[in-house]
Amino acid sequence: MEHKIVTFDQIEKISSKLKSEGKKIVTTNGAFDLMHSDHIRSLREAKSFGDVLIVGLNSDESVRKYKSDMRPIYHQDERAFMLAALEPVNYVVIFSESEPSKFLEKVKPHIHVKGNDYSDGSKTIFERDVVEKNGGKIMFTSKNKGQSTTEIAAKVKLVYHD
């Protein structure tokens, strides 16, 4: 599994090689802090859009910047290991920015997948410009059951309040 966790330089070379072989590259990104079934469903669906799924994982520093000083729950190496263990995931790249533009510039995916919560246009898709500039397109996962890390953490807190 550890061979699936790669650096920026490695993923740029890997991506170029895969494209030269005619492979369709799909990317997605996120914190993946407390893994839950909607994460798995989304990753499986993202993989179905192409041949290779590359996941951009927010570093601990970037998660703290856009979520909270108390997050993430799991260290980035642990989150990367869990993602790499999943069958649909071919590669994991940790990035330190709040949004994945530099990661996407290295990979230049054919398709970048966002969660269905972005599909109605109410949230800004920061990745759109870099993906489309490089000939790719944005796609969305279908409706999930609505699980979230925040909801899971709240339930754990409620159950284990003492």
Foldseek 3Di string as FASTA:
>chain_A
DVVQEDELVVLLVVLVVCVVVVWAEEEEEDACQPPDDVVLLQLVVRLVVTPAYEYEHEAQQLCCVPPHVVDDPDHPVVSLVVQVPDPSHRHYYYDHHNDCLSSCLSNLGQEYEDEPVPVVVPDDDPNQVSNVVSNHHYDYDDDDPDDDPVVVVVVVCVVPVD
